[in-house]
């Protein structure tokens, strides 16, 4: 089973990296960009778990390591892999 995990800053948390990217885009002539938020994307391969068990394990991983839940949100997408 493959999982995609998206980690983003919570609303209201300052994003200096996003502001830097937005400034760079503006200086390159992309003036229509009004805001940029930078996050993280991870792909995780899991062995032999049911979708429910896999999601629980992935939530544990996010809560303990992959996301700082004080300032970040995460979203998990599961995809069955065929052999």
C-alpha atoms as a PDB file:
ATOM      1  CA  UNK A   1       0.000   0.000   0.000  1.00  0.00           C
ATOM      2  CA  UNK A   2       1.251   3.473  -0.852  1.00  0.00           C
ATOM      3  CA  UNK A   3       0.470   6.581   1.153  1.00  0.00           C
ATOM      4  CA  UNK A   4       0.909  10.198   0.246  1.00  0.00           C
ATOM      5  CA  UNK A   5       1.282  12.556   3.175  1.00  0.00           C
ATOM      6  CA  UNK A   6       0.896  16.313   2.816  1.00  0.00           C
ATOM      7  CA  UNK A   7       2.081  18.518   5.680  1.00  0.00           C
ATOM      8  CA  UNK A   8       1.190  22.222   5.676  1.00  0.00           C
ATOM      9  CA  UNK A   9       1.443  25.064   8.129  1.00  0.00           C
ATOM     10  CA  UNK A  10      -1.730  25.901  10.014  1.00  0.00           C
ATOM     11  CA  UNK A  11      -3.535  29.117   9.142  1.00  0.00           C
ATOM     12  CA  UNK A  12      -2.116  32.002  11.130  1.00  0.00           C
ATOM     13  CA  UNK A  13       1.398  30.519  11.367  1.00  0.00           C
ATOM     14  CA  UNK A  14       3.958  32.748   9.649  1.00  0.00           C
ATOM     15  CA  UNK A  15       5.570  31.166   6.590  1.00  0.00           C
ATOM     16  CA  UNK A  16       8.854  32.989   5.829  1.00  0.00           C
ATOM     17  CA  UNK A  17       9.770  30.478   3.112  1.00  0.00           C
ATOM     18  CA  UNK A  18       6.406  31.052   1.418  1.00  0.00           C
ATOM     19  CA  UNK A  19       6.928  34.832   1.603  1.00  0.00           C
ATOM     20  CA  UNK A  20      10.395  34.465   0.026  1.00  0.00           C
ATOM     21  CA  UNK A  21       8.973  32.367  -2.818  1.00  0.00           C
ATOM     22  CA  UNK A  22       6.157  34.865  -3.324  1.00  0.00           C
ATOM     23  CA  UNK A  23       8.670  37.735  -3.463  1.00  0.00           C
ATOM     24  CA  UNK A  24      10.827  35.876  -5.977  1.00  0.00           C
ATOM     25  CA  UNK A  25       7.820  35.107  -8.176  1.00  0.00           C
ATOM     26  CA  UNK A  26       6.796  38.780  -8.069  1.00  0.00           C
ATOM     27  CA  UNK A  27      10.283  39.887  -9.077  1.00  0.00           C
ATOM     28  CA  UNK A  28      10.089  37.475 -12.029  1.00  0.00           C
ATOM     29  CA  UNK A  29       6.897  39.124 -13.249  1.00  0.00           C
ATOM     30  CA  UNK A  30       4.343  36.717 -11.764  1.00  0.00           C
ATOM     31  CA  UNK A  31       2.454  39.553 -10.102  1.00  0.00           C
ATOM     32  CA  UNK A  32      -0.860  37.660  -9.986  1.00  0.00           C
ATOM     33  CA  UNK A  33       0.432  35.532  -7.088  1.00  0.00           C
ATOM     34  CA  UNK A  34      -1.209  36.799  -3.895  1.00  0.00           C
ATOM     35  CA  UNK A  35       0.060  34.237  -1.374  1.00  0.00           C
ATOM     36  CA  UNK A  36       2.330  31.193  -1.199  1.00  0.00           C
ATOM     37  CA  UNK A  37       2.432  28.582   1.573  1.00  0.00           C
ATOM     38  CA  UNK A  38       5.253  26.032   1.494  1.00  0.00           C
ATOM     39  CA  UNK A  39       4.756  22.525   2.880  1.00  0.00           C
ATOM     40  CA  UNK A  40       6.129  19.005   2.735  1.00  0.00           C
ATOM     41  CA  UNK A  41       5.133  15.970   0.677  1.00  0.00           C
ATOM     42  CA  UNK A  42       6.086  12.366   1.509  1.00  0.00           C
ATOM     43  CA  UNK A  43       5.379   8.992  -0.090  1.00  0.00           C
ATOM     44  CA  UNK A  44       5.419   5.970   2.196  1.00  0.00           C
ATOM     45  CA  UNK A  45       5.176   2.307   1.123  1.00  0.00           C
ATOM     46  CA  UNK A  46       3.563  -0.024   3.686  1.00  0.00           C
ATOM     47  CA  UNK A  47       3.470  -3.816   3.815  1.00  0.00           C
ATOM     48  CA  UNK A  48       0.336  -5.916   4.231  1.00  0.00           C
ATOM     49  CA  UNK A  49      -1.926  -3.652   6.233  1.00  0.00           C
ATOM     50  CA  UNK A  50      -5.640  -3.102   5.777  1.00  0.00           C
ATOM     51  CA  UNK A  51      -6.529   0.464   4.787  1.00  0.00           C
ATOM     52  CA  UNK A  52      -7.867   1.112   8.300  1.00  0.00           C
ATOM     53  CA  UNK A  53      -4.747  -0.252  10.009  1.00  0.00           C
ATOM     54  CA  UNK A  54      -2.466   1.579   7.565  1.00  0.00           C
ATOM     55  CA  UNK A  55      -4.215   4.885   8.200  1.00  0.00           C
ATOM     56  CA  UNK A  56      -3.919   4.438  11.963  1.00  0.00           C
ATOM     57  CA  UNK A  57      -0.192   3.672  11.691  1.00  0.00           C
ATOM     58  CA  UNK A  58       0.352   6.637   9.380  1.00  0.00           C
ATOM     59  CA  UNK A  59      -1.490   8.957  11.775  1.00  0.00           C
ATOM     60  CA  UNK A  60       0.786   7.707  14.561  1.00  0.00           C
ATOM     61  CA  UNK A  61       3.826   8.418  12.356  1.00  0.00           C
ATOM     62  CA  UNK A  62       2.587  11.922  11.613  1.00  0.00           C
ATOM     63  CA  UNK A  63       1.774  12.680  15.239  1.00  0.00           C
ATOM     64  CA  UNK A  64       5.146  11.407  16.490  1.00  0.00           C
ATOM     65  CA  UNK A  65       7.582  12.463  13.752  1.00  0.00           C
ATOM     66  CA  UNK A  66       6.418  13.591  10.333  1.00  0.00           C
ATOM     67  CA  UNK A  67       4.415  16.671  11.369  1.00  0.00           C
ATOM     68  CA  UNK A  68       4.770  19.200  14.149  1.00  0.00           C
ATOM     69  CA  UNK A  69       1.103  19.201  15.084  1.00  0.00           C
ATOM     70  CA  UNK A  70       1.454  22.389  17.123  1.00  0.00           C
ATOM     71  CA  UNK A  71       1.981  24.418  13.935  1.00  0.00           C
ATOM     72  CA  UNK A  72       1.251  21.968  11.089  1.00  0.00           C
ATOM     73  CA  UNK A  73      -1.711  20.059   9.679  1.00  0.00           C
ATOM     74  CA  UNK A  74      -1.366  16.827   7.729  1.00  0.00           C
ATOM     75  CA  UNK A  75      -3.461  14.945   5.222  1.00  0.00           C
ATOM     76  CA  UNK A  76      -3.084  11.287   4.263  1.00  0.00           C
ATOM     77  CA  UNK A  77      -4.096   9.703   0.940  1.00  0.00           C
ATOM     78  CA  UNK A  78      -3.969   5.907   0.616  1.00  0.00           C
ATOM     79  CA  UNK A  79      -3.556   3.993  -2.626  1.00  0.00           C
ATOM     80  CA  UNK A  80      -3.584   0.221  -2.976  1.00  0.00           C
ATOM     81  CA  UNK A  81      -0.555  -1.015  -4.900  1.00  0.00           C
ATOM     82  CA  UNK A  82      -0.853  -3.934  -7.265  1.00  0.00           C
ATOM     83  CA  UNK A  83       1.819  -6.582  -7.623  1.00  0.00           C
END
